[in-house]
C-alpha atoms as a PDB file:
ATOM      1  CA  UNK A   1      65.908 -24.864 -25.595  1.00  0.00           C
ATOM      2  CA  UNK A   2      63.339 -27.200 -27.160  1.00  0.00           C
ATOM      3  CA  UNK A   3      62.115 -27.070 -30.746  1.00  0.00           C
ATOM      4  CA  UNK A   4      58.922 -28.413 -32.295  1.00  0.00           C
ATOM      5  CA  UNK A   5      57.319 -28.413 -35.741  1.00  0.00           C
ATOM      6  CA  UNK A   6      53.855 -27.624 -37.074  1.00  0.00           C
ATOM      7  CA  UNK A   7      53.396 -29.209 -40.498  1.00  0.00           C
ATOM      8  CA  UNK A   8      50.709 -28.632 -43.124  1.00  0.00           C
ATOM      9  CA  UNK A   9      51.395 -31.597 -45.442  1.00  0.00           C
ATOM     10  CA  UNK A  10      52.250 -29.185 -48.246  1.00  0.00           C
ATOM     11  CA  UNK A  11      51.422 -30.396 -51.752  1.00  0.00           C
ATOM     12  CA  UNK A  12      54.228 -29.037 -53.907  1.00  0.00           C
ATOM     13  CA  UNK A  13      53.977 -28.393 -57.626  1.00  0.00           C
ATOM     14  CA  UNK A  14      54.413 -31.638 -59.532  1.00  0.00           C
ATOM     15  CA  UNK A  15      53.447 -33.704 -56.465  1.00  0.00           C
ATOM     16  CA  UNK A  16      50.266 -35.474 -55.354  1.00  0.00           C
ATOM     17  CA  UNK A  17      48.534 -35.279 -51.976  1.00  0.00           C
ATOM     18  CA  UNK A  18      49.645 -38.837 -51.228  1.00  0.00           C
ATOM     19  CA  UNK A  19      53.248 -37.809 -51.854  1.00  0.00           C
ATOM     20  CA  UNK A  20      52.731 -34.793 -49.578  1.00  0.00           C
ATOM     21  CA  UNK A  21      51.603 -37.060 -46.744  1.00  0.00           C
ATOM     22  CA  UNK A  22      54.622 -39.308 -47.130  1.00  0.00           C
ATOM     23  CA  UNK A  23      56.874 -36.242 -47.184  1.00  0.00           C
ATOM     24  CA  UNK A  24      55.347 -35.256 -43.841  1.00  0.00           C
ATOM     25  CA  UNK A  25      56.358 -38.678 -42.528  1.00  0.00           C
ATOM     26  CA  UNK A  26      59.857 -38.101 -43.905  1.00  0.00           C
ATOM     27  CA  UNK A  27      60.009 -34.702 -42.182  1.00  0.00           C
ATOM     28  CA  UNK A  28      58.780 -36.166 -38.878  1.00  0.00           C
ATOM     29  CA  UNK A  29      61.406 -38.900 -38.959  1.00  0.00           C
ATOM     30  CA  UNK A  30      64.114 -36.339 -39.580  1.00  0.00           C
ATOM     31  CA  UNK A  31      62.790 -34.162 -36.758  1.00  0.00           C
ATOM     32  CA  UNK A  32      62.955 -37.157 -34.439  1.00  0.00           C
ATOM     33  CA  UNK A  33      66.548 -37.919 -35.381  1.00  0.00           C
ATOM     34  CA  UNK A  34      67.450 -34.252 -34.815  1.00  0.00           C
ATOM     35  CA  UNK A  35      65.962 -34.198 -31.314  1.00  0.00           C
ATOM     36  CA  UNK A  36      62.800 -32.146 -31.854  1.00  0.00           C
ATOM     37  CA  UNK A  37      60.277 -32.453 -29.024  1.00  0.00           C
ATOM     38  CA  UNK A  38      57.046 -32.715 -31.001  1.00  0.00           C
ATOM     39  CA  UNK A  39      55.644 -32.806 -34.523  1.00  0.00           C
ATOM     40  CA  UNK A  40      52.106 -31.558 -35.106  1.00  0.00           C
ATOM     41  CA  UNK A  41      49.723 -31.641 -38.052  1.00  0.00           C
ATOM     42  CA  UNK A  42      47.415 -28.739 -38.878  1.00  0.00           C
ATOM     43  CA  UNK A  43      43.759 -29.143 -39.867  1.00  0.00           C
ATOM     44  CA  UNK A  44      42.667 -27.703 -43.217  1.00  0.00           C
ATOM     45  CA  UNK A  45      39.662 -28.539 -45.376  1.00  0.00           C
ATOM     46  CA  UNK A  46      39.000 -27.758 -49.031  1.00  0.00           C
ATOM     47  CA  UNK A  47      42.539 -26.441 -49.589  1.00  0.00           C
ATOM     48  CA  UNK A  48      44.060 -28.331 -52.558  1.00  0.00           C
ATOM     49  CA  UNK A  49      47.640 -27.347 -51.655  1.00  0.00           C
ATOM     50  CA  UNK A  50      47.435 -28.696 -48.085  1.00  0.00           C
ATOM     51  CA  UNK A  51      46.794 -32.401 -47.515  1.00  0.00           C
ATOM     52  CA  UNK A  52      46.265 -32.254 -43.736  1.00  0.00           C
ATOM     53  CA  UNK A  53      42.486 -32.654 -43.692  1.00  0.00           C
ATOM     54  CA  UNK A  54      42.327 -35.251 -40.890  1.00  0.00           C
ATOM     55  CA  UNK A  55      45.036 -34.609 -38.285  1.00  0.00           C
ATOM     56  CA  UNK A  56      43.905 -37.497 -36.092  1.00  0.00           C
ATOM     57  CA  UNK A  57      44.478 -40.016 -38.903  1.00  0.00           C
ATOM     58  CA  UNK A  58      47.773 -38.431 -39.894  1.00  0.00           C
ATOM     59  CA  UNK A  59      48.792 -38.588 -36.231  1.00  0.00           C
ATOM     60  CA  UNK A  60      48.198 -42.347 -36.214  1.00  0.00           C
ATOM     61  CA  UNK A  61      50.256 -42.728 -39.392  1.00  0.00           C
ATOM     62  CA  UNK A  62      53.083 -40.631 -37.933  1.00  0.00           C
ATOM     63  CA  UNK A  63      53.017 -42.506 -34.627  1.00  0.00           C
ATOM     64  CA  UNK A  64      53.340 -45.766 -36.542  1.00  0.00           C
ATOM     65  CA  UNK A  65      56.342 -44.421 -38.443  1.00  0.00           C
ATOM     66  CA  UNK A  66      58.298 -42.836 -35.577  1.00  0.00           C
ATOM     67  CA  UNK A  67      59.537 -44.108 -32.228  1.00  0.00           C
ATOM     68  CA  UNK A  68      59.663 -41.417 -29.554  1.00  0.00           C
ATOM     69  CA  UNK A  69      58.840 -37.915 -30.809  1.00  0.00           C
ATOM     70  CA  UNK A  70      55.558 -36.423 -29.544  1.00  0.00           C
ATOM     71  CA  UNK A  71      52.910 -36.374 -32.277  1.00  0.00           C
ATOM     72  CA  UNK A  72      49.969 -33.993 -32.142  1.00  0.00           C
ATOM     73  CA  UNK A  73      47.294 -31.844 -33.744  1.00  0.00           C
ATOM     74  CA  UNK A  74      47.820 -28.177 -34.317  1.00  0.00           C
ATOM     75  CA  UNK A  75      44.943 -28.166 -33.982  1.00  0.00           C
ATOM     76  CA  UNK A  76      41.645 -29.952 -34.054  1.00  0.00           C
ATOM     77  CA  UNK A  77      38.958 -27.348 -34.794  1.00  0.00           C
ATOM     78  CA  UNK A  78      36.382 -27.879 -32.095  1.00  0.00           C
ATOM     79  CA  UNK A  79      33.433 -26.243 -33.965  1.00  0.00           C
ATOM     80  CA  UNK A  80      33.389 -29.288 -36.264  1.00  0.00           C
ATOM     81  CA  UNK A  81      33.279 -32.029 -33.626  1.00  0.00           C
ATOM     82  CA  UNK A  82      31.663 -33.026 -30.364  1.00  0.00           C
ATOM     83  CA  UNK A  83      33.971 -33.013 -27.319  1.00  0.00           C
ATOM     84  CA  UNK A  84      32.922 -36.599 -26.665  1.00  0.00           C
ATOM     85  CA  UNK A  85      34.041 -37.807 -30.097  1.00  0.00           C
ATOM     86  CA  UNK A  86      37.378 -36.002 -29.742  1.00  0.00           C
ATOM     87  CA  UNK A  87      37.836 -37.652 -26.346  1.00  0.00           C
ATOM     88  CA  UNK A  88      37.225 -41.102 -27.859  1.00  0.00           C
ATOM     89  CA  UNK A  89      39.917 -40.914 -30.493  1.00  0.00           C
ATOM     90  CA  UNK A  90      42.471 -39.135 -28.303  1.00  0.00           C
ATOM     91  CA  UNK A  91      41.947 -41.770 -25.597  1.00  0.00           C
ATOM     92  CA  UNK A  92      42.438 -44.558 -28.085  1.00  0.00           C
ATOM     93  CA  UNK A  93      45.572 -43.026 -29.602  1.00  0.00           C
ATOM     94  CA  UNK A  94      46.968 -42.394 -26.116  1.00  0.00           C
ATOM     95  CA  UNK A  95      46.350 -46.022 -25.180  1.00  0.00           C
ATOM     96  CA  UNK A  96      48.102 -47.264 -28.321  1.00  0.00           C
ATOM     97  CA  UNK A  97      51.037 -44.828 -27.951  1.00  0.00           C
ATOM     98  CA  UNK A  98      51.395 -43.876 -24.259  1.00  0.00           C
ATOM     99  CA  UNK A  99      52.956 -40.472 -23.468  1.00  0.00           C
ATOM    100  CA  UNK A 100      53.437 -39.617 -27.151  1.00  0.00           C
ATOM    101  CA  UNK A 101      50.130 -38.013 -28.148  1.00  0.00           C
ATOM    102  CA  UNK A 102      49.389 -34.263 -28.052  1.00  0.00           C
ATOM    103  CA  UNK A 103      45.942 -32.782 -28.553  1.00  0.00           C
ATOM    104  CA  UNK A 104      45.886 -29.180 -29.745  1.00  0.00           C
ATOM    105  CA  UNK A 105      42.483 -27.460 -29.934  1.00  0.00           C
ATOM    106  CA  UNK A 106      41.454 -24.451 -32.028  1.00  0.00           C
ATOM    107  CA  UNK A 107      38.217 -22.608 -32.775  1.00  0.00           C
ATOM    108  CA  UNK A 108      38.405 -21.707 -36.482  1.00  0.00           C
ATOM    109  CA  UNK A 109      35.128 -22.785 -38.132  1.00  0.00           C
ATOM    110  CA  UNK A 110      36.605 -22.575 -41.632  1.00  0.00           C
ATOM    111  CA  UNK A 111      35.072 -21.071 -44.741  1.00  0.00           C
ATOM    112  CA  UNK A 112      31.353 -21.059 -45.515  1.00  0.00           C
ATOM    113  CA  UNK A 113      31.914 -23.959 -47.915  1.00  0.00           C
ATOM    114  CA  UNK A 114      33.628 -25.973 -45.182  1.00  0.00           C
ATOM    115  CA  UNK A 115      30.916 -25.135 -42.675  1.00  0.00           C
ATOM    116  CA  UNK A 116      28.256 -26.399 -45.064  1.00  0.00           C
ATOM    117  CA  UNK A 117      30.143 -29.594 -45.840  1.00  0.00           C
ATOM    118  CA  UNK A 118      30.879 -30.246 -42.159  1.00  0.00           C
ATOM    119  CA  UNK A 119      27.321 -29.277 -41.164  1.00  0.00           C
ATOM    120  CA  UNK A 120      28.641 -26.785 -38.619  1.00  0.00           C
ATOM    121  CA  UNK A 121      28.349 -23.066 -37.916  1.00  0.00           C
ATOM    122  CA  UNK A 122      30.638 -20.522 -36.240  1.00  0.00           C
ATOM    123  CA  UNK A 123      30.478 -20.697 -32.469  1.00  0.00           C
ATOM    124  CA  UNK A 124      30.590 -17.909 -29.910  1.00  0.00           C
ATOM    125  CA  UNK A 125      33.433 -17.443 -27.465  1.00  0.00           C
ATOM    126  CA  UNK A 126      31.177 -18.752 -24.695  1.00  0.00           C
ATOM    127  CA  UNK A 127      30.331 -21.874 -26.712  1.00  0.00           C
ATOM    128  CA  UNK A 128      34.005 -22.482 -27.425  1.00  0.00           C
ATOM    129  CA  UNK A 129      34.848 -22.122 -23.741  1.00  0.00           C
ATOM    130  CA  UNK A 130      32.092 -24.559 -22.806  1.00  0.00           C
ATOM    131  CA  UNK A 131      33.255 -27.103 -25.388  1.00  0.00           C
ATOM    132  CA  UNK A 132      36.831 -26.932 -24.085  1.00  0.00           C
ATOM    133  CA  UNK A 133      35.630 -27.313 -20.503  1.00  0.00           C
ATOM    134  CA  UNK A 134      33.451 -30.255 -21.477  1.00  0.00           C
ATOM    135  CA  UNK A 135      36.383 -31.910 -23.248  1.00  0.00           C
ATOM    136  CA  UNK A 136      38.662 -31.480 -20.228  1.00  0.00           C
ATOM    137  CA  UNK A 137      35.924 -32.737 -17.897  1.00  0.00           C
ATOM    138  CA  UNK A 138      35.407 -35.851 -20.014  1.00  0.00           C
ATOM    139  CA  UNK A 139      39.131 -36.589 -20.205  1.00  0.00           C
ATOM    140  CA  UNK A 140      39.858 -35.967 -16.519  1.00  0.00           C
ATOM    141  CA  UNK A 141      36.603 -36.960 -14.821  1.00  0.00           C
ATOM    142  CA  UNK A 142      34.696 -40.176 -14.274  1.00  0.00           C
ATOM    143  CA  UNK A 143      31.112 -39.182 -15.091  1.00  0.00           C
ATOM    144  CA  UNK A 144      31.364 -39.975 -18.806  1.00  0.00           C
ATOM    145  CA  UNK A 145      32.691 -43.373 -19.834  1.00  0.00           C
ATOM    146  CA  UNK A 146      35.220 -43.297 -22.681  1.00  0.00           C
ATOM    147  CA  UNK A 147      37.034 -46.294 -24.108  1.00  0.00           C
ATOM    148  CA  UNK A 148      39.675 -47.305 -23.217  1.00  0.00           C
ATOM    149  CA  UNK A 149      39.200 -46.065 -19.624  1.00  0.00           C
ATOM    150  CA  UNK A 150      42.776 -47.004 -18.651  1.00  0.00           C
ATOM    151  CA  UNK A 151      44.333 -44.599 -21.157  1.00  0.00           C
ATOM    152  CA  UNK A 152      46.191 -41.649 -19.704  1.00  0.00           C
ATOM    153  CA  UNK A 153      45.781 -38.477 -21.767  1.00  0.00           C
ATOM    154  CA  UNK A 154      48.350 -35.677 -21.595  1.00  0.00           C
ATOM    155  CA  UNK A 155      47.116 -32.103 -20.901  1.00  0.00           C
ATOM    156  CA  UNK A 156      45.560 -30.569 -24.000  1.00  0.00           C
ATOM    157  CA  UNK A 157      46.967 -27.507 -25.771  1.00  0.00           C
ATOM    158  CA  UNK A 158      44.795 -24.462 -26.502  1.00  0.00           C
ATOM    159  CA  UNK A 159      45.790 -22.610 -29.671  1.00  0.00           C
ATOM    160  CA  UNK A 160      45.407 -18.863 -29.424  1.00  0.00           C
ATOM    161  CA  UNK A 161      46.230 -15.306 -30.384  1.00  0.00           C
ATOM    162  CA  UNK A 162      44.246 -13.699 -27.574  1.00  0.00           C
ATOM    163  CA  UNK A 163      44.165 -13.093 -23.837  1.00  0.00           C
ATOM    164  CA  UNK A 164      40.765 -14.797 -23.696  1.00  0.00           C
ATOM    165  CA  UNK A 165      42.252 -18.134 -24.686  1.00  0.00           C
ATOM    166  CA  UNK A 166      45.253 -17.532 -22.427  1.00  0.00           C
ATOM    167  CA  UNK A 167      42.829 -17.076 -19.530  1.00  0.00           C
ATOM    168  CA  UNK A 168      40.880 -20.180 -20.541  1.00  0.00           C
ATOM    169  CA  UNK A 169      44.000 -22.346 -20.782  1.00  0.00           C
ATOM    170  CA  UNK A 170      45.057 -21.247 -17.304  1.00  0.00           C
ATOM    171  CA  UNK A 171      41.562 -21.675 -15.890  1.00  0.00           C
ATOM    172  CA  UNK A 172      41.466 -25.247 -17.192  1.00  0.00           C
ATOM    173  CA  UNK A 173      45.039 -25.937 -16.113  1.00  0.00           C
ATOM    174  CA  UNK A 174      46.072 -26.918 -19.638  1.00  0.00           C
ATOM    175  CA  UNK A 175      48.920 -26.032 -22.004  1.00  0.00           C
ATOM    176  CA  UNK A 176      49.010 -22.968 -24.253  1.00  0.00           C
ATOM    177  CA  UNK A 177      50.190 -22.260 -27.823  1.00  0.00           C
ATOM    178  CA  UNK A 178      50.457 -18.691 -29.043  1.00  0.00           C
ATOM    179  CA  UNK A 179      50.355 -18.424 -32.845  1.00  0.00           C
ATOM    180  CA  UNK A 180      52.589 -15.471 -33.616  1.00  0.00           C
ATOM    181  CA  UNK A 181      52.072 -16.159 -37.322  1.00  0.00           C
ATOM    182  CA  UNK A 182      48.304 -15.618 -37.075  1.00  0.00           C
ATOM    183  CA  UNK A 183      48.125 -12.230 -35.368  1.00  0.00           C
ATOM    184  CA  UNK A 184      47.942  -9.227 -37.707  1.00  0.00           C
ATOM    185  CA  UNK A 185      47.848  -6.603 -34.948  1.00  0.00           C
ATOM    186  CA  UNK A 186      50.348  -3.774 -35.272  1.00  0.00           C
ATOM    187  CA  UNK A 187      51.688  -4.511 -31.781  1.00  0.00           C
ATOM    188  CA  UNK A 188      51.741  -8.284 -32.279  1.00  0.00           C
ATOM    189  CA  UNK A 189      54.959  -8.737 -30.261  1.00  0.00           C
ATOM    190  CA  UNK A 190      53.537  -6.880 -27.255  1.00  0.00           C
ATOM    191  CA  UNK A 191      50.256  -8.772 -27.644  1.00  0.00           C
ATOM    192  CA  UNK A 192      52.115 -12.080 -27.548  1.00  0.00           C
ATOM    193  CA  UNK A 193      54.096 -11.059 -24.464  1.00  0.00           C
ATOM    194  CA  UNK A 194      50.911  -9.960 -22.723  1.00  0.00           C
ATOM    195  CA  UNK A 195      49.081 -13.211 -23.504  1.00  0.00           C
ATOM    196  CA  UNK A 196      51.994 -15.349 -22.360  1.00  0.00           C
ATOM    197  CA  UNK A 197      52.299 -13.341 -19.145  1.00  0.00           C
ATOM    198  CA  UNK A 198      48.583 -13.688 -18.420  1.00  0.00           C
ATOM    199  CA  UNK A 199      48.747 -17.447 -18.911  1.00  0.00           C
ATOM    200  CA  UNK A 200      51.918 -17.951 -16.859  1.00  0.00           C
ATOM    201  CA  UNK A 201      50.799 -15.718 -13.997  1.00  0.00           C
ATOM    202  CA  UNK A 202      47.390 -17.344 -13.656  1.00  0.00           C
ATOM    203  CA  UNK A 203      48.837 -20.843 -13.835  1.00  0.00           C
ATOM    204  CA  UNK A 204      51.314 -20.044 -11.064  1.00  0.00           C
ATOM    205  CA  UNK A 205      48.543 -18.497  -8.981  1.00  0.00           C
ATOM    206  CA  UNK A 206      46.797 -21.867  -9.183  1.00  0.00           C
ATOM    207  CA  UNK A 207      50.054 -23.589  -8.171  1.00  0.00           C
ATOM    208  CA  UNK A 208      50.368 -25.214 -11.580  1.00  0.00           C
ATOM    209  CA  UNK A 209      53.369 -25.347 -13.871  1.00  0.00           C
ATOM    210  CA  UNK A 210      52.742 -23.331 -17.065  1.00  0.00           C
ATOM    211  CA  UNK A 211      53.662 -25.020 -20.334  1.00  0.00           C
ATOM    212  CA  UNK A 212      53.581 -22.751 -23.363  1.00  0.00           C
ATOM    213  CA  UNK A 213      54.912 -22.608 -26.908  1.00  0.00           C
ATOM    214  CA  UNK A 214      55.057 -19.865 -29.553  1.00  0.00           C
ATOM    215  CA  UNK A 215      54.541 -20.902 -33.183  1.00  0.00           C
ATOM    216  CA  UNK A 216      56.083 -18.938 -36.056  1.00  0.00           C
ATOM    217  CA  UNK A 217      56.457 -19.178 -39.841  1.00  0.00           C
ATOM    218  CA  UNK A 218      60.110 -19.592 -40.841  1.00  0.00           C
ATOM    219  CA  UNK A 219      61.777 -19.295 -44.262  1.00  0.00           C
ATOM    220  CA  UNK A 220      65.565 -19.640 -44.627  1.00  0.00           C
ATOM    221  CA  UNK A 221      67.359 -19.081 -47.915  1.00  0.00           C
ATOM    222  CA  UNK A 222      70.845 -20.218 -48.865  1.00  0.00           C
ATOM    223  CA  UNK A 223      71.591 -16.578 -49.699  1.00  0.00           C
ATOM    224  CA  UNK A 224      69.821 -13.206 -49.751  1.00  0.00           C
ATOM    225  CA  UNK A 225      68.253 -13.819 -53.144  1.00  0.00           C
ATOM    226  CA  UNK A 226      66.797 -17.205 -52.246  1.00  0.00           C
ATOM    227  CA  UNK A 227      65.503 -15.776 -48.963  1.00  0.00           C
ATOM    228  CA  UNK A 228      63.669 -13.068 -50.931  1.00  0.00           C
ATOM    229  CA  UNK A 229      62.357 -15.667 -53.365  1.00  0.00           C
ATOM    230  CA  UNK A 230      61.011 -17.853 -50.554  1.00  0.00           C
ATOM    231  CA  UNK A 231      59.326 -15.006 -48.721  1.00  0.00           C
ATOM    232  CA  UNK A 232      57.631 -14.030 -51.978  1.00  0.00           C
ATOM    233  CA  UNK A 233      56.152 -17.554 -52.074  1.00  0.00           C
ATOM    234  CA  UNK A 234      54.682 -16.801 -48.643  1.00  0.00           C
ATOM    235  CA  UNK A 235      53.586 -13.334 -49.772  1.00  0.00           C
ATOM    236  CA  UNK A 236      51.562 -14.901 -52.548  1.00  0.00           C
ATOM    237  CA  UNK A 237      50.239 -17.813 -50.506  1.00  0.00           C
ATOM    238  CA  UNK A 238      49.184 -15.786 -47.465  1.00  0.00           C
ATOM    239  CA  UNK A 239      47.012 -13.513 -49.593  1.00  0.00           C
ATOM    240  CA  UNK A 240      44.634 -16.470 -49.274  1.00  0.00           C
ATOM    241  CA  UNK A 241      42.578 -15.557 -52.308  1.00  0.00           C
ATOM    242  CA  UNK A 242      39.514 -17.626 -53.208  1.00  0.00           C
ATOM    243  CA  UNK A 243      39.695 -19.030 -49.667  1.00  0.00           C
ATOM    244  CA  UNK A 244      43.148 -20.516 -50.362  1.00  0.00           C
ATOM    245  CA  UNK A 245      41.978 -22.292 -53.510  1.00  0.00           C
ATOM    246  CA  UNK A 246      43.646 -19.921 -55.985  1.00  0.00           C
ATOM    247  CA  UNK A 247      46.491 -22.436 -56.289  1.00  0.00           C
ATOM    248  CA  UNK A 248      46.020 -26.178 -56.592  1.00  0.00           C
ATOM    249  CA  UNK A 249      49.603 -26.646 -55.376  1.00  0.00           C
ATOM    250  CA  UNK A 250      51.791 -24.626 -53.023  1.00  0.00           C
ATOM    251  CA  UNK A 251      53.402 -21.915 -55.172  1.00  0.00           C
ATOM    252  CA  UNK A 252      56.960 -22.559 -56.289  1.00  0.00           C
ATOM    253  CA  UNK A 253      59.538 -19.791 -56.570  1.00  0.00           C
ATOM    254  CA  UNK A 254      58.866 -19.623 -60.311  1.00  0.00           C
ATOM    255  CA  UNK A 255      55.096 -19.363 -59.819  1.00  0.00           C
ATOM    256  CA  UNK A 256      55.493 -16.723 -57.109  1.00  0.00           C
ATOM    257  CA  UNK A 257      57.811 -14.622 -59.263  1.00  0.00           C
ATOM    258  CA  UNK A 258      55.349 -14.701 -62.141  1.00  0.00           C
ATOM    259  CA  UNK A 259      52.363 -13.829 -59.933  1.00  0.00           C
ATOM    260  CA  UNK A 260      51.288 -10.191 -60.075  1.00  0.00           C
ATOM    261  CA  UNK A 261      50.784  -8.672 -56.635  1.00  0.00           C
ATOM    262  CA  UNK A 262      48.384  -5.818 -57.301  1.00  0.00           C
ATOM    263  CA  UNK A 263      48.423  -2.521 -55.430  1.00  0.00           C
ATOM    264  CA  UNK A 264      45.349  -3.481 -53.369  1.00  0.00           C
ATOM    265  CA  UNK A 265      47.278  -6.478 -51.972  1.00  0.00           C
ATOM    266  CA  UNK A 266      50.449  -4.666 -50.973  1.00  0.00           C
ATOM    267  CA  UNK A 267      49.255  -3.570 -47.532  1.00  0.00           C
ATOM    268  CA  UNK A 268      48.346  -7.149 -46.657  1.00  0.00           C
ATOM    269  CA  UNK A 269      51.702  -8.395 -47.941  1.00  0.00           C
ATOM    270  CA  UNK A 270      53.549  -5.884 -45.765  1.00  0.00           C
ATOM    271  CA  UNK A 271      51.488  -6.832 -42.705  1.00  0.00           C
ATOM    272  CA  UNK A 272      52.081 -10.510 -43.308  1.00  0.00           C
ATOM    273  CA  UNK A 273      55.825 -10.047 -43.613  1.00  0.00           C
ATOM    274  CA  UNK A 274      56.013  -8.658 -40.093  1.00  0.00           C
ATOM    275  CA  UNK A 275      54.684 -12.004 -38.826  1.00  0.00           C
ATOM    276  CA  UNK A 276      57.305 -14.082 -40.644  1.00  0.00           C
ATOM    277  CA  UNK A 277      60.860 -14.863 -39.629  1.00  0.00           C
ATOM    278  CA  UNK A 278      62.793 -15.016 -42.871  1.00  0.00           C
ATOM    279  CA  UNK A 279      66.212 -14.351 -44.351  1.00  0.00           C
ATOM    280  CA  UNK A 280      69.574 -16.093 -44.512  1.00  0.00           C
ATOM    281  CA  UNK A 281      70.603 -18.533 -41.811  1.00  0.00           C
ATOM    282  CA  UNK A 282      72.433 -15.872 -39.820  1.00  0.00           C
ATOM    283  CA  UNK A 283      69.529 -13.414 -39.980  1.00  0.00           C
ATOM    284  CA  UNK A 284      66.870 -15.957 -39.001  1.00  0.00           C
ATOM    285  CA  UNK A 285      68.849 -17.445 -36.109  1.00  0.00           C
ATOM    286  CA  UNK A 286      69.520 -13.967 -34.715  1.00  0.00           C
ATOM    287  CA  UNK A 287      65.800 -13.069 -34.941  1.00  0.00           C
ATOM    288  CA  UNK A 288      64.709 -16.331 -33.335  1.00  0.00           C
ATOM    289  CA  UNK A 289      67.157 -15.995 -30.464  1.00  0.00           C
ATOM    290  CA  UNK A 290      65.811 -12.510 -29.857  1.00  0.00           C
ATOM    291  CA  UNK A 291      62.219 -13.802 -29.846  1.00  0.00           C
ATOM    292  CA  UNK A 292      63.101 -16.628 -27.483  1.00  0.00           C
ATOM    293  CA  UNK A 293      64.720 -14.188 -25.063  1.00  0.00           C
ATOM    294  CA  UNK A 294      61.937 -11.612 -25.363  1.00  0.00           C
ATOM    295  CA  UNK A 295      59.190 -14.175 -24.742  1.00  0.00           C
ATOM    296  CA  UNK A 296      61.245 -16.119 -22.163  1.00  0.00           C
ATOM    297  CA  UNK A 297      60.530 -19.315 -24.059  1.00  0.00           C
ATOM    298  CA  UNK A 298      61.549 -22.852 -23.223  1.00  0.00           C
ATOM    299  CA  UNK A 299      60.142 -24.150 -26.519  1.00  0.00           C
ATOM    300  CA  UNK A 300      59.641 -22.715 -29.994  1.00  0.00           C
ATOM    301  CA  UNK A 301      57.323 -24.229 -32.605  1.00  0.00           C
ATOM    302  CA  UNK A 302      58.630 -23.801 -36.152  1.00  0.00           C
ATOM    303  CA  UNK A 303      56.485 -23.775 -39.303  1.00  0.00           C
ATOM    304  CA  UNK A 304      58.685 -24.305 -42.383  1.00  0.00           C
ATOM    305  CA  UNK A 305      56.023 -23.194 -44.863  1.00  0.00           C
ATOM    306  CA  UNK A 306      58.217 -23.124 -47.973  1.00  0.00           C
ATOM    307  CA  UNK A 307      58.160 -25.035 -51.264  1.00  0.00           C
ATOM    308  CA  UNK A 308      59.925 -28.415 -51.638  1.00  0.00           C
ATOM    309  CA  UNK A 309      60.638 -31.040 -49.024  1.00  0.00           C
ATOM    310  CA  UNK A 310      64.371 -30.471 -49.490  1.00  0.00           C
ATOM    311  CA  UNK A 311      64.057 -26.857 -48.310  1.00  0.00           C
ATOM    312  CA  UNK A 312      61.794 -27.816 -45.407  1.00  0.00           C
ATOM    313  CA  UNK A 313      64.296 -30.440 -44.282  1.00  0.00           C
ATOM    314  CA  UNK A 314      67.153 -27.968 -44.649  1.00  0.00           C
ATOM    315  CA  UNK A 315      65.349 -25.458 -42.424  1.00  0.00           C
ATOM    316  CA  UNK A 316      64.766 -27.891 -39.583  1.00  0.00           C
ATOM    317  CA  UNK A 317      68.360 -29.127 -39.835  1.00  0.00           C
ATOM    318  CA  UNK A 318      69.675 -25.550 -39.535  1.00  0.00           C
ATOM    319  CA  UNK A 319      67.430 -24.782 -36.565  1.00  0.00           C
ATOM    320  CA  UNK A 320      68.421 -27.982 -34.761  1.00  0.00           C
ATOM    321  CA  UNK A 321      72.118 -27.255 -35.199  1.00  0.00           C
ATOM    322  CA  UNK A 322      72.015 -23.544 -34.370  1.00  0.00           C
ATOM    323  CA  UNK A 323      69.422 -23.529 -31.567  1.00  0.00           C
ATOM    324  CA  UNK A 324      69.849 -26.977 -29.995  1.00  0.00           C
ATOM    325  CA  UNK A 325      73.405 -27.832 -31.032  1.00  0.00           C
ATOM    326  CA  UNK A 326      72.213 -31.063 -32.670  1.00  0.00           C
ATOM    327  CA  UNK A 327      72.981 -32.603 -36.034  1.00  0.00           C
ATOM    328  CA  UNK A 328      71.665 -35.715 -37.747  1.00  0.00           C
ATOM    329  CA  UNK A 329      73.867 -38.727 -37.150  1.00  0.00           C
ATOM    330  CA  UNK A 330      74.709 -40.778 -40.224  1.00  0.00           C
END
């Protein structure tokens, strides 16, 4: 069983964005010592509580500060960039750090404010497919020259919550990430199983080895009360009000407790909770083992979206010990 991490460079209350970035480095180093397979940075713009605005630059910083763990993007949002430009920086990073760079691709265009600032617009499914194909063609072909030409780029990862992206990943012969945390469908478990099956079946039909990961939000409390407190932080955060600018820092337990969740928000809170794996250590490990078995996973991507670096570190230490049998060596 392999474990990986998707990090958001959370800016906690009382901390600066610079401190958040260095805490991401601290978390990546710990993940490496614990035997995690990969550590990815998300892409978010105009969100004061998340400092991960440029995953490619954070990837370089993380690569410089670690030795062997895979470092990647989870993901680069292709509506904002040309496939050629993405290919240039991923080639360069791959040349500087051979066999350590992961490129995850997504299609979220962001808010209207972000679209205006980035000078982009939402793209259609067909346009997204064409951009992904163009990117793969550039990275694997010889028609377009990209420096450095000697660099070997690992297969890209397509981020998804749909069968359409599962089909595309298989068609392109690339890797696949299913974001369990992002799907609000009532039958989200069955949807995930269906998407994974589509991807795996079509890859095998093409005589290719499927490589897939499922990503999930995880909150572990020291006891039942802390678990409830932490999931309330996620309840409040995932409401996403004012396009995730309601808070200038990620809500602490105190802030979340004081926040009034109005009746109109309760349905969304309940839906969101179904997509989270939370509770005490025993509860979370049992749920994760069930998910791993149900999805027939070889790798699980964990998102410790909770306040304070100490809690985030504690979560990845628990998961490493309970799911991989590994502990940090002093």
